[in-house]
N, C-alpha and C. Protein backbone atom coordinates (compact mmCIF):
# COMPACT_ATOMS: atom_id res chain seq x y z
N MET A 1 68.14 -20.51 -130.37
CA MET A 1 68.05 -21.71 -129.55
C MET A 1 66.89 -21.61 -128.56
N GLY A 2 66.67 -20.42 -128.05
CA GLY A 2 65.58 -20.22 -127.10
C GLY A 2 64.22 -20.46 -127.73
N ARG A 3 64.09 -20.11 -129.02
CA ARG A 3 62.82 -20.33 -129.71
C ARG A 3 62.50 -21.82 -129.84
N ILE A 4 63.51 -22.60 -130.10
CA ILE A 4 63.31 -24.05 -130.25
C ILE A 4 62.86 -24.65 -128.93
N ILE A 5 63.49 -24.26 -127.84
CA ILE A 5 63.12 -24.78 -126.52
C ILE A 5 61.69 -24.36 -126.17
N LYS A 6 61.33 -23.11 -126.45
CA LYS A 6 59.97 -22.64 -126.19
C LYS A 6 58.97 -23.40 -127.05
N ALA A 7 59.31 -23.68 -128.30
CA ALA A 7 58.41 -24.42 -129.19
C ALA A 7 58.23 -25.85 -128.69
N VAL A 8 59.30 -26.49 -128.24
CA VAL A 8 59.21 -27.85 -127.74
C VAL A 8 58.36 -27.89 -126.46
N ILE A 9 58.57 -26.96 -125.57
CA ILE A 9 57.78 -26.90 -124.33
C ILE A 9 56.31 -26.66 -124.67
N PHE A 10 56.04 -25.76 -125.62
CA PHE A 10 54.67 -25.48 -126.05
C PHE A 10 54.02 -26.74 -126.62
N LEU A 11 54.72 -27.48 -127.46
CA LEU A 11 54.17 -28.70 -128.04
C LEU A 11 53.93 -29.77 -126.99
N VAL A 12 54.81 -29.87 -126.00
CA VAL A 12 54.63 -30.85 -124.92
C VAL A 12 53.38 -30.50 -124.11
N VAL A 13 53.20 -29.22 -123.81
CA VAL A 13 52.03 -28.79 -123.04
C VAL A 13 50.75 -29.04 -123.83
N ILE A 14 50.74 -28.69 -125.11
CA ILE A 14 49.56 -28.91 -125.95
C ILE A 14 49.27 -30.41 -126.07
N GLY A 15 50.30 -31.23 -126.23
CA GLY A 15 50.12 -32.67 -126.30
C GLY A 15 49.55 -33.24 -125.01
N PHE A 16 50.05 -32.77 -123.89
CA PHE A 16 49.55 -33.22 -122.60
C PHE A 16 48.09 -32.84 -122.42
N LEU A 17 47.73 -31.63 -122.79
CA LEU A 17 46.34 -31.20 -122.69
C LEU A 17 45.45 -32.02 -123.62
N GLY A 18 45.94 -32.32 -124.81
CA GLY A 18 45.16 -33.13 -125.74
C GLY A 18 44.93 -34.54 -125.22
N VAL A 19 45.94 -35.16 -124.69
CA VAL A 19 45.81 -36.52 -124.15
C VAL A 19 44.87 -36.52 -122.94
N THR A 20 45.01 -35.52 -122.08
CA THR A 20 44.14 -35.42 -120.91
C THR A 20 42.69 -35.22 -121.31
N THR A 21 42.46 -34.36 -122.29
CA THR A 21 41.10 -34.12 -122.77
C THR A 21 40.51 -35.39 -123.38
N TYR A 22 41.29 -36.10 -124.15
CA TYR A 22 40.81 -37.35 -124.75
C TYR A 22 40.50 -38.38 -123.69
N ALA A 23 41.31 -38.44 -122.64
CA ALA A 23 41.08 -39.41 -121.57
C ALA A 23 39.75 -39.14 -120.86
N TYR A 24 39.40 -37.87 -120.69
CA TYR A 24 38.16 -37.55 -120.00
C TYR A 24 36.95 -37.58 -120.92
N LEU A 25 37.10 -37.19 -122.17
CA LEU A 25 35.96 -37.06 -123.07
C LEU A 25 35.85 -38.17 -124.10
N GLY A 26 36.94 -38.87 -124.37
CA GLY A 26 36.93 -39.92 -125.37
C GLY A 26 36.20 -41.16 -124.88
N ASP A 27 35.72 -41.96 -125.81
CA ASP A 27 35.02 -43.20 -125.45
C ASP A 27 36.05 -44.30 -125.25
N MET A 28 36.43 -44.52 -124.01
CA MET A 28 37.45 -45.51 -123.71
C MET A 28 36.88 -46.68 -122.93
N SER A 29 35.57 -46.84 -122.94
CA SER A 29 34.97 -47.94 -122.18
C SER A 29 35.16 -49.25 -122.94
N PRO A 30 35.48 -50.32 -122.24
CA PRO A 30 35.70 -51.61 -122.91
C PRO A 30 34.39 -52.24 -123.34
N GLU A 31 34.44 -53.02 -124.40
CA GLU A 31 33.26 -53.77 -124.83
C GLU A 31 33.09 -54.97 -123.91
N GLN A 32 31.88 -55.17 -123.42
CA GLN A 32 31.62 -56.30 -122.54
C GLN A 32 30.91 -57.37 -123.33
N VAL A 33 31.50 -58.55 -123.35
CA VAL A 33 30.96 -59.68 -124.09
C VAL A 33 30.92 -60.88 -123.16
N GLU A 34 29.79 -61.59 -123.13
CA GLU A 34 29.69 -62.79 -122.31
C GLU A 34 30.38 -63.94 -123.03
N VAL A 35 31.24 -64.63 -122.30
CA VAL A 35 31.99 -65.74 -122.88
C VAL A 35 31.62 -67.01 -122.12
N ARG A 36 31.18 -68.01 -122.85
CA ARG A 36 30.87 -69.31 -122.24
C ARG A 36 31.70 -70.37 -122.93
N GLU A 37 32.36 -71.17 -122.11
CA GLU A 37 33.21 -72.22 -122.65
C GLU A 37 33.07 -73.44 -121.75
N SER A 38 32.79 -74.60 -122.37
CA SER A 38 32.62 -75.80 -121.55
C SER A 38 33.97 -76.33 -121.10
N VAL A 39 33.95 -76.87 -119.88
CA VAL A 39 35.18 -77.39 -119.29
C VAL A 39 34.93 -78.84 -118.91
N THR A 40 35.83 -79.72 -119.30
CA THR A 40 35.73 -81.14 -118.95
C THR A 40 36.68 -81.41 -117.79
N LEU A 41 36.11 -81.88 -116.67
CA LEU A 41 36.93 -82.18 -115.51
C LEU A 41 37.18 -83.68 -115.47
N ASP A 42 38.43 -84.07 -115.36
CA ASP A 42 38.80 -85.48 -115.36
C ASP A 42 39.31 -85.85 -113.96
N PHE A 43 38.47 -86.58 -113.21
CA PHE A 43 38.85 -87.00 -111.87
C PHE A 43 39.36 -88.43 -111.92
N ASN A 44 40.63 -88.64 -111.75
CA ASN A 44 41.22 -89.99 -111.74
C ASN A 44 41.66 -90.37 -110.36
């Protein structure tokens, strides 16, 4: 039982390190696109 708990803790730590590394080194910048849309204003 102790081996399973150690394995789960090890996998959680490795997963956390992987996600943290990806967050810092991965390309997570959003694409910037100019959007133009005409608007009709109706003054009654």
